[in-house]
Amino acid sequence: MIENRPILNLLAHLTLILGVCIVALPVWVAFVASTHGPTAFMSGTIPMWPGDQMIANYSQMLGAGVSTSGTPPVGVMMLNSMIMALSIAVGKIVISVLSAFAVVYFRFPFRGLAFWCIFITLMLPVEVRIVPTFQVVADLGMLNSYAGLSIPLIASATATFLFRQVFLTIPDELTEAARIDGAGPMKFFRDILLPLSRTNIAALFVILFIYGWNQYLWPLLITTSSDYYTIVAGIKRMADAVDGLPQWHLVMATAMLAMIPPVIVVVAMQRLFVKGLVETEK
């Protein structure tokens, strides 16, 4: 029995409200900055209410962009980020679910060693292997390409481990029943495992899409052509003004536009995302 304690309920709500305010304040400041002119944030005081330049700022960024920064229009950069994020998310899920399927349901020599070799790569972040990865991509001629942006980031030990844990929860009786009914390995994978893993796939897709969308270091290194600039790297280039002060109102407008696709993905898949994270029984 849970006791009704109004003071604890009030304290819990106040804590949640405070947390939301702390998280939302930077977003609000960015939105306010995107609605003012170029001098509003140069006066030493930060306005906290929207200005009257919102339509002009967003129209400029959706149109010509900032010509002095060398970046293409926002639409081009967002398209590049979308292709990169979708390629990474879909590629990671496909490779990881097949790897986990092989490790759990097939008996082959050094199966455990293969899994631990995959798992141990969690200790090697992108920053550690950035130089050899860049050298390989350059030697293969994949600089300034969508393949170079996405393929080196597709492998995922985390997703393989999560799918392995999901498959281990599938009852052995279900596998035996499928075998008795004459289902081959791929039919069992396609008709039974994938439907049972739907919520987990959705949760991973949201996480991996945001991971790919927010990539900064790797796109910054391998793209020298403005045709392949991503939105996150483009914001950095816009903020690094060479011949003058950064146009912060346009930078913040770009940052607000960059938030839209991840927010749409999270909102659209919220139910499956939460269910995939908390579901423990199949």
Protein backbone atom coordinates (compact mmCIF):
# COMPACT_ATOMS: atom_id res chain seq x y z
CA MET A 1 0.00 0.00 0.00
CA ILE A 2 1.31 3.41 -1.00
CA GLU A 3 0.59 6.18 1.48
CA ASN A 4 -0.70 9.50 0.21
CA ARG A 5 1.74 12.14 1.44
CA PRO A 6 0.91 15.58 0.00
CA ILE A 7 4.22 17.09 1.10
CA LEU A 8 6.25 14.42 -0.70
CA ASN A 9 4.07 14.77 -3.79
CA LEU A 10 4.57 18.52 -3.77
CA LEU A 11 8.32 18.11 -3.33
CA ALA A 12 8.47 15.61 -6.18
CA HIS A 13 6.56 17.95 -8.51
CA LEU A 14 8.72 20.92 -7.55
CA THR A 15 11.85 18.88 -8.25
CA LEU A 16 10.53 17.84 -11.65
CA ILE A 17 9.53 21.40 -12.52
CA LEU A 18 12.96 22.66 -11.47
CA GLY A 19 14.66 20.01 -13.61
CA VAL A 20 12.52 20.91 -16.64
CA CYS A 21 13.34 24.60 -16.18
CA ILE A 22 17.07 23.90 -15.98
CA VAL A 23 16.96 21.78 -19.14
CA ALA A 24 14.63 24.11 -21.05
CA LEU A 25 16.38 27.41 -20.20
CA PRO A 26 19.21 27.06 -22.77
CA VAL A 27 16.67 26.09 -25.43
CA TRP A 28 14.56 29.13 -24.57
CA VAL A 29 17.58 31.43 -24.72
CA ALA A 30 18.52 30.00 -28.13
CA PHE A 31 14.97 30.54 -29.40
CA VAL A 32 14.90 34.11 -28.08
CA ALA A 33 18.26 34.84 -29.69
CA SER A 34 16.96 33.54 -33.02
CA THR A 35 14.15 36.12 -33.00
CA HIS A 36 16.30 39.23 -32.43
CA GLY A 37 18.59 41.26 -34.64
CA PRO A 38 22.39 40.91 -34.91
CA THR A 39 23.16 43.45 -32.15
CA ALA A 40 20.77 42.23 -29.44
CA PHE A 41 23.29 39.87 -27.84
CA MET A 42 26.26 42.22 -28.25
CA SER A 43 25.06 44.82 -25.74
CA GLY A 44 26.05 42.89 -22.61
CA THR A 45 22.48 42.03 -21.57
CA ILE A 46 20.59 38.95 -22.69
CA PRO A 47 16.94 39.52 -23.68
CA MET A 48 14.60 36.91 -22.30
CA TRP A 49 11.59 37.57 -24.51
CA PRO A 50 11.21 36.98 -28.27
CA GLY A 51 11.92 39.82 -30.67
CA ASP A 52 10.40 40.86 -33.99
CA GLN A 53 12.99 39.38 -36.38
CA MET A 54 11.91 35.75 -36.21
CA ILE A 55 10.45 35.51 -39.73
CA ALA A 56 13.38 37.36 -41.29
CA ASN A 57 16.02 35.25 -39.52
CA TYR A 58 14.45 31.89 -40.27
CA SER A 59 13.64 32.88 -43.85
CA GLN A 60 17.27 33.84 -44.42
CA MET A 61 18.57 30.56 -43.00
CA LEU A 62 16.10 28.46 -44.97
CA GLY A 63 17.01 30.42 -48.08
CA ALA A 64 20.50 31.68 -48.77
CA GLY A 65 22.05 30.97 -45.36
CA VAL A 66 25.15 32.79 -44.13
CA SER A 67 27.32 33.46 -47.16
CA THR A 68 30.32 34.67 -45.15
CA SER A 69 30.69 31.37 -43.29
CA GLY A 70 31.15 29.22 -46.40
CA THR A 71 28.30 26.92 -45.42
CA PRO A 72 25.50 25.88 -47.79
CA PRO A 73 21.82 26.60 -47.02
CA VAL A 74 20.40 24.94 -43.93
CA GLY A 75 18.23 22.64 -46.02
CA VAL A 76 21.29 21.06 -47.67
CA MET A 77 23.06 20.52 -44.34
CA MET A 78 19.93 19.05 -42.75
CA LEU A 79 19.53 16.68 -45.70
CA ASN A 80 23.14 15.52 -45.27
CA SER A 81 22.57 14.99 -41.55
CA MET A 82 19.34 13.11 -42.26
CA ILE A 83 21.05 10.75 -44.72
CA MET A 84 23.93 10.21 -42.29
CA ALA A 85 21.68 9.62 -39.25
CA LEU A 86 19.35 7.23 -41.09
CA SER A 87 22.28 5.31 -42.59
CA ILE A 88 23.94 4.93 -39.20
CA ALA A 89 20.73 3.96 -37.38
CA VAL A 90 19.52 1.44 -39.97
CA GLY A 91 23.03 0.05 -40.58
CA LYS A 92 23.76 -0.42 -36.88
CA ILE A 93 20.44 -2.19 -36.29
CA VAL A 94 20.78 -4.51 -39.30
CA ILE A 95 24.36 -5.53 -38.53
CA SER A 96 23.75 -5.82 -34.78
CA VAL A 97 20.57 -7.90 -35.01
CA LEU A 98 22.21 -10.31 -37.47
CA SER A 99 25.36 -10.54 -35.33
CA ALA A 100 23.34 -11.26 -32.19
CA PHE A 101 21.25 -13.84 -34.08
CA ALA A 102 24.42 -15.65 -35.18
CA VAL A 103 26.01 -15.56 -31.73
CA VAL A 104 22.91 -16.86 -29.91
CA TYR A 105 21.42 -19.42 -32.30
CA PHE A 106 24.38 -20.84 -34.23
CA ARG A 107 27.06 -23.17 -32.91
CA PHE A 108 30.42 -22.48 -34.54
CA PRO A 109 34.04 -22.54 -33.35
CA PHE A 110 35.17 -19.60 -31.22
CA ARG A 111 31.62 -18.30 -30.93
CA GLY A 112 32.28 -16.90 -27.45
CA LEU A 113 35.55 -15.37 -28.56
CA ALA A 114 33.80 -13.68 -31.48
CA PHE A 115 31.23 -12.13 -29.15
CA TRP A 116 33.84 -10.88 -26.70
CA CYS A 117 35.92 -9.42 -29.52
CA ILE A 118 32.82 -7.45 -30.52
CA PHE A 119 32.03 -6.50 -26.94
CA ILE A 120 35.56 -5.34 -26.10
CA THR A 121 35.34 -2.65 -28.78
CA LEU A 122 33.19 -0.72 -26.29
CA MET A 123 36.49 0.27 -24.70
CA LEU A 124 37.62 1.96 -27.93
CA PRO A 125 35.75 5.24 -28.44
CA VAL A 126 35.79 7.01 -31.79
CA GLU A 127 38.42 9.49 -30.59
CA VAL A 128 40.94 6.68 -29.93
CA ARG A 129 40.66 5.14 -33.40
CA ILE A 130 40.00 8.37 -35.28
CA VAL A 131 43.41 8.53 -37.00
CA PRO A 132 43.52 4.95 -38.42
CA THR A 133 39.84 5.20 -39.37
CA PHE A 134 40.49 8.44 -41.23
CA GLN A 135 43.46 6.86 -43.01
CA VAL A 136 41.38 3.88 -44.14
CA VAL A 137 38.55 6.13 -45.36
CA ALA A 138 41.00 8.35 -47.22
CA ASP A 139 42.74 5.37 -48.84
CA LEU A 140 39.38 4.03 -50.01
CA GLY A 141 38.51 7.40 -51.57
CA MET A 142 35.46 7.95 -49.36
CA LEU A 143 36.26 11.49 -48.21
CA ASN A 144 33.45 13.94 -48.99
CA SER A 145 30.89 11.19 -49.48
CA TYR A 146 27.85 9.81 -47.68
CA ALA A 147 29.59 6.44 -47.42
CA GLY A 148 32.52 8.05 -45.62
CA LEU A 149 30.16 9.85 -43.26
CA SER A 150 28.19 6.76 -42.23
CA ILE A 151 30.01 3.45 -42.85
CA PRO A 152 32.84 3.94 -40.27
CA LEU A 153 30.23 4.58 -37.56
CA ILE A 154 27.87 1.70 -38.37
CA ALA A 155 29.41 -1.07 -36.26
CA SER A 156 27.92 -1.12 -32.75
CA ALA A 157 28.93 -3.46 -29.94
CA THR A 158 26.27 -1.94 -27.67
CA ALA A 159 23.41 -2.78 -30.02
CA THR A 160 24.79 -6.29 -30.58
CA PHE A 161 24.92 -6.87 -26.84
CA LEU A 162 21.36 -5.59 -26.33
CA PHE A 163 19.94 -7.78 -29.08
CA ARG A 164 21.86 -10.75 -27.70
CA GLN A 165 20.23 -10.21 -24.32
CA VAL A 166 16.81 -9.95 -25.95
CA PHE A 167 17.29 -13.17 -27.91
CA LEU A 168 18.42 -15.01 -24.79
CA THR A 169 15.00 -14.29 -23.25
CA ILE A 170 13.20 -16.12 -26.08
CA PRO A 171 12.01 -19.49 -24.71
CA ASP A 172 13.74 -22.55 -26.12
CA GLU A 173 10.31 -24.13 -26.61
CA LEU A 174 9.54 -21.49 -29.25
CA THR A 175 12.70 -22.39 -31.13
CA GLU A 176 11.88 -26.09 -30.97
CA ALA A 177 8.32 -25.47 -32.15
CA ALA A 178 9.59 -23.49 -35.13
CA ARG A 179 12.04 -26.27 -35.98
CA ILE A 180 9.28 -28.91 -35.78
CA ASP A 181 7.09 -26.83 -38.10
CA GLY A 182 9.89 -26.84 -40.64
CA ALA A 183 10.97 -23.24 -40.28
CA GLY A 184 14.53 -22.61 -41.40
CA PRO A 185 16.90 -20.23 -39.60
CA MET A 186 16.04 -17.15 -41.68
CA LYS A 187 12.29 -17.86 -41.55
CA PHE A 188 12.54 -18.18 -37.76
CA PHE A 189 14.52 -14.94 -37.69
CA ARG A 190 12.10 -13.08 -39.96
CA ASP A 191 8.75 -14.35 -38.68
CA ILE A 192 9.45 -14.79 -34.95
CA LEU A 193 12.52 -12.94 -33.70
CA LEU A 194 12.01 -9.67 -35.56
CA PRO A 195 8.35 -9.21 -34.49
CA LEU A 196 9.27 -9.99 -30.88
CA SER A 197 12.11 -7.44 -31.06
CA ARG A 198 10.00 -4.66 -32.58
CA THR A 199 9.92 -2.44 -29.51
CA ASN A 200 13.63 -2.92 -28.87
CA ILE A 201 14.39 -2.03 -32.48
CA ALA A 202 12.27 1.11 -32.16
CA ALA A 203 14.03 2.18 -28.96
CA LEU A 204 17.44 1.59 -30.49
CA PHE A 205 16.45 3.43 -33.66
CA VAL A 206 15.60 6.57 -31.69
CA ILE A 207 18.87 6.44 -29.75
CA LEU A 208 20.99 5.71 -32.82
CA PHE A 209 19.27 8.32 -34.98
CA ILE A 210 20.04 11.01 -32.41
CA TYR A 211 23.58 9.64 -32.11
CA GLY A 212 24.08 9.96 -35.86
CA TRP A 213 22.38 13.35 -36.08
CA ASN A 214 24.57 14.83 -33.33
CA GLN A 215 27.87 13.62 -34.80
CA TYR A 216 30.38 16.47 -34.78
CA LEU A 217 34.02 15.34 -34.83
CA TRP A 218 33.87 12.78 -37.63
CA PRO A 219 31.96 14.92 -40.19
CA LEU A 220 34.23 17.85 -39.33
CA LEU A 221 37.30 15.78 -40.23
CA ILE A 222 36.30 14.09 -43.46
CA THR A 223 34.25 16.82 -45.17
CA THR A 224 36.07 19.58 -46.98
CA SER A 225 33.39 20.16 -49.59
CA SER A 226 30.43 22.28 -48.50
CA ASP A 227 28.12 19.90 -50.38
CA TYR A 228 28.57 17.33 -47.56
CA TYR A 229 28.53 19.59 -44.51
CA THR A 230 26.22 18.30 -41.78
CA ILE A 231 24.09 20.62 -39.68
CA VAL A 232 26.08 20.22 -36.45
CA ALA A 233 29.42 20.82 -38.15
CA GLY A 234 27.82 23.66 -40.10
CA ILE A 235 26.78 25.41 -36.89
CA LYS A 236 30.37 25.24 -35.67
CA ARG A 237 31.64 26.74 -38.93
CA MET A 238 29.03 29.52 -38.74
CA ALA A 239 30.11 30.36 -35.19
CA ASP A 240 33.78 30.55 -36.25
CA ALA A 241 33.53 33.87 -38.07
CA VAL A 242 36.82 34.83 -39.72
CA ASP A 243 36.21 38.34 -41.03
CA GLY A 244 33.91 39.60 -38.29
CA LEU A 245 31.79 38.78 -35.29
CA PRO A 246 29.58 35.68 -35.40
CA GLN A 247 26.00 36.37 -36.39
CA TRP A 248 24.57 34.74 -33.31
CA HIS A 249 20.96 35.37 -34.22
CA LEU A 250 21.42 33.29 -37.39
CA VAL A 251 23.51 30.66 -35.60
CA MET A 252 20.76 30.23 -33.00
CA ALA A 253 18.10 30.06 -35.71
CA THR A 254 20.08 27.24 -37.31
CA ALA A 255 20.41 25.50 -33.94
CA MET A 256 16.65 25.65 -33.44
CA LEU A 257 16.04 24.22 -36.91
CA ALA A 258 18.56 21.45 -36.17
CA MET A 259 16.48 20.36 -33.16
CA ILE A 260 13.35 19.70 -35.20
CA PRO A 261 14.11 16.26 -36.80
CA PRO A 262 15.28 14.58 -33.56
CA VAL A 263 12.28 15.96 -31.71
CA ILE A 264 9.94 14.64 -34.41
CA VAL A 265 11.54 11.18 -34.23
CA VAL A 266 11.28 11.05 -30.42
CA VAL A 267 7.67 12.27 -30.35
CA ALA A 268 6.55 9.99 -33.19
CA MET A 269 8.14 6.88 -31.63
CA GLN A 270 7.67 7.80 -27.97
CA ARG A 271 5.33 4.93 -27.12
CA LEU A 272 7.52 2.25 -28.72
CA PHE A 273 10.66 3.91 -27.35
CA VAL A 274 9.49 3.79 -23.74
CA LYS A 275 8.04 0.30 -24.13
CA GLY A 276 11.29 -0.97 -25.64
CA LEU A 277 13.32 0.38 -22.72
CA VAL A 278 11.13 -0.97 -19.91
CA GLU A 279 9.84 -4.22 -21.43
CA THR A 280 11.44 -7.26 -19.82
CA GLU A 281 9.09 -10.10 -20.73
CA LYS A 282 8.15 -11.36 -24.16
